Amino acid sequence: MLSKVKRNNEKGFTLIELMIVIAIIGILAAIAIPQFSAYRTRSYNSAAESDLRNAATAQEAYYVDNQNYCGTVADLTGSSYGLYLSDGVTLAIDSANTTGYVMRAWHQSGNNSFIIRGPGGSVSKMH
């Protein structure tokens, strides 16, 4: 009769123990991955909102020099008025004249766009 020889120095994990560990890792990943994705989307939205606020500041600086608000993004960007857009952020100036401006911004990977009506307006989410 053959019998299994039991060794006292056997080391390692059983198949059941490994399967339990893999199941726990799977559950944790299922919780963490959607949260991570939501954090990234929020950061993209924050970049667009921040760039829009910076564009409003650049508009005010442009107004001081020209007594008119700027109608093109290119004139605000760069060293002249200090507007540098984050990667992936698009800024649009919908209207600009001597009395005010309307600008929008969004990030290509975000899920919101933002608008500001100036001067003195606050950034709000577009619906």
Protein backbone atom coordinates (compact mmCIF):
# COMPACT_ATOMS: atom_id res chain seq x y z
CA MET A 1 0.00 0.00 0.00
CA LEU A 2 1.27 3.42 -0.98
CA SER A 3 0.98 6.16 1.50
CA LYS A 4 1.91 9.78 1.32
CA VAL A 5 4.98 10.63 3.25
CA LYS A 6 4.34 13.68 5.36
CA ARG A 7 7.18 16.08 5.58
CA ASN A 8 7.39 18.54 8.42
CA ASN A 9 9.33 21.08 6.40
CA GLU A 10 6.81 21.53 3.56
CA LYS A 11 6.39 25.22 2.74
CA GLY A 12 4.05 27.12 0.46
CA PHE A 13 0.40 27.95 0.01
CA THR A 14 -2.44 25.67 -0.86
CA LEU A 15 -4.54 26.26 -3.94
CA ILE A 16 -7.49 27.42 -1.81
CA GLU A 17 -5.36 30.02 -0.03
CA LEU A 18 -4.11 31.39 -3.35
CA MET A 19 -7.64 31.53 -4.77
CA ILE A 20 -8.87 33.47 -1.72
CA VAL A 21 -6.05 36.00 -2.07
CA ILE A 22 -6.79 36.45 -5.79
CA ALA A 23 -10.50 36.95 -5.02
CA ILE A 24 -9.70 39.62 -2.41
CA ILE A 25 -7.39 41.43 -4.85
CA GLY A 26 -10.14 41.31 -7.48
CA ILE A 27 -12.68 42.83 -5.10
CA LEU A 28 -10.29 45.62 -4.10
CA ALA A 29 -9.50 46.36 -7.76
CA ALA A 30 -13.22 46.49 -8.59
CA ILE A 31 -13.63 49.18 -5.94
CA ALA A 32 -10.45 51.17 -6.62
CA ILE A 33 -10.43 51.41 -10.43
CA PRO A 34 -13.72 53.35 -10.82
CA GLN A 35 -12.67 55.71 -8.03
CA PHE A 36 -9.35 56.34 -9.73
CA SER A 37 -11.14 57.09 -12.99
CA ALA A 38 -13.43 59.57 -11.22
CA TYR A 39 -10.41 61.31 -9.65
CA ARG A 40 -8.81 61.72 -13.07
CA THR A 41 -11.99 63.18 -14.57
CA ARG A 42 -12.28 65.65 -11.69
CA SER A 43 -8.68 66.75 -12.18
CA TYR A 44 -9.31 67.36 -15.90
CA ASN A 45 -12.37 69.45 -15.06
CA SER A 46 -10.38 71.41 -12.47
CA ALA A 47 -7.69 72.17 -15.04
CA ALA A 48 -10.29 73.62 -17.42
CA GLU A 49 -11.90 75.68 -14.65
CA SER A 50 -8.54 77.01 -13.48
CA ASP A 51 -7.47 77.92 -17.01
CA LEU A 52 -10.74 79.80 -17.50
CA ARG A 53 -10.10 81.85 -14.34
CA ASN A 54 -6.59 82.60 -15.59
CA ALA A 55 -8.06 83.66 -18.95
CA ALA A 56 -10.35 86.10 -17.14
CA THR A 57 -7.31 87.62 -15.42
CA ALA A 58 -5.55 87.89 -18.80
CA GLN A 59 -8.67 89.56 -20.25
CA GLU A 60 -8.54 92.20 -17.52
CA ALA A 61 -4.84 92.84 -18.21
CA TYR A 62 -5.62 93.13 -21.93
CA TYR A 63 -8.40 95.61 -21.15
CA VAL A 64 -6.05 97.83 -19.15
CA ASP A 65 -3.75 98.09 -22.16
CA ASN A 66 -6.38 98.36 -24.93
CA GLN A 67 -9.66 99.63 -23.36
CA ASN A 68 -11.33 96.68 -25.07
CA TYR A 69 -11.61 92.98 -24.22
CA CYS A 70 -9.71 90.53 -26.40
CA GLY A 71 -11.60 88.50 -28.99
CA THR A 72 -8.92 85.92 -29.81
CA VAL A 73 -7.27 83.34 -27.59
CA ALA A 74 -3.95 83.71 -29.41
CA ASP A 75 -3.60 87.33 -28.24
CA LEU A 76 -4.00 86.30 -24.59
CA THR A 77 -1.65 83.33 -24.60
CA GLY A 78 2.09 83.50 -24.18
CA SER A 79 4.23 86.01 -22.39
CA SER A 80 2.19 89.11 -23.30
CA TYR A 81 -0.68 88.49 -20.90
CA GLY A 82 0.53 85.36 -19.15
CA LEU A 83 -2.10 82.85 -20.22
CA TYR A 84 -0.78 79.33 -20.64
CA LEU A 85 -3.40 76.63 -21.17
CA SER A 86 -3.00 73.18 -19.65
CA ASP A 87 -2.55 70.25 -22.02
CA GLY A 88 -5.91 69.13 -23.35
CA VAL A 89 -7.78 72.31 -22.38
CA THR A 90 -9.62 74.27 -25.07
CA LEU A 91 -10.59 77.90 -24.52
CA ALA A 92 -13.18 79.69 -26.66
CA ILE A 93 -14.00 83.39 -26.57
CA ASP A 94 -17.64 83.63 -27.60
CA SER A 95 -17.85 87.42 -27.49
CA ALA A 96 -15.70 90.34 -26.46
CA ASN A 97 -16.18 94.10 -26.76
CA THR A 98 -15.64 97.26 -24.71
CA THR A 99 -18.16 96.28 -22.04
CA GLY A 100 -17.49 92.60 -21.41
CA TYR A 101 -16.68 89.12 -22.62
CA VAL A 102 -18.00 85.57 -22.59
CA MET A 103 -15.54 82.67 -22.54
CA ARG A 104 -15.86 78.90 -22.30
CA ALA A 105 -13.30 76.20 -21.46
CA TRP A 106 -13.28 72.40 -21.38
CA HIS A 107 -10.80 69.55 -21.21
CA GLN A 108 -10.85 66.89 -23.90
CA SER A 109 -10.89 64.13 -21.24
CA GLY A 110 -13.19 65.91 -18.80
CA ASN A 111 -16.96 65.65 -18.63
CA ASN A 112 -17.88 69.31 -17.96
CA SER A 113 -17.42 72.63 -19.68
CA PHE A 114 -17.29 75.96 -17.89
CA ILE A 115 -18.34 79.50 -18.76
CA ILE A 116 -17.53 82.95 -17.44
CA ARG A 117 -19.19 86.26 -18.26
CA GLY A 118 -17.06 89.24 -17.42
CA PRO A 119 -15.96 91.51 -16.13
CA GLY A 120 -16.35 90.39 -12.57
CA GLY A 121 -18.27 87.22 -13.32
CA SER A 122 -17.69 83.90 -11.66
CA VAL A 123 -16.98 80.60 -13.35
CA SER A 124 -20.01 78.34 -13.64
CA LYS A 125 -20.61 74.89 -15.03
CA MET A 126 -22.46 74.73 -18.33
CA HIS A 127 -25.50 72.47 -18.46
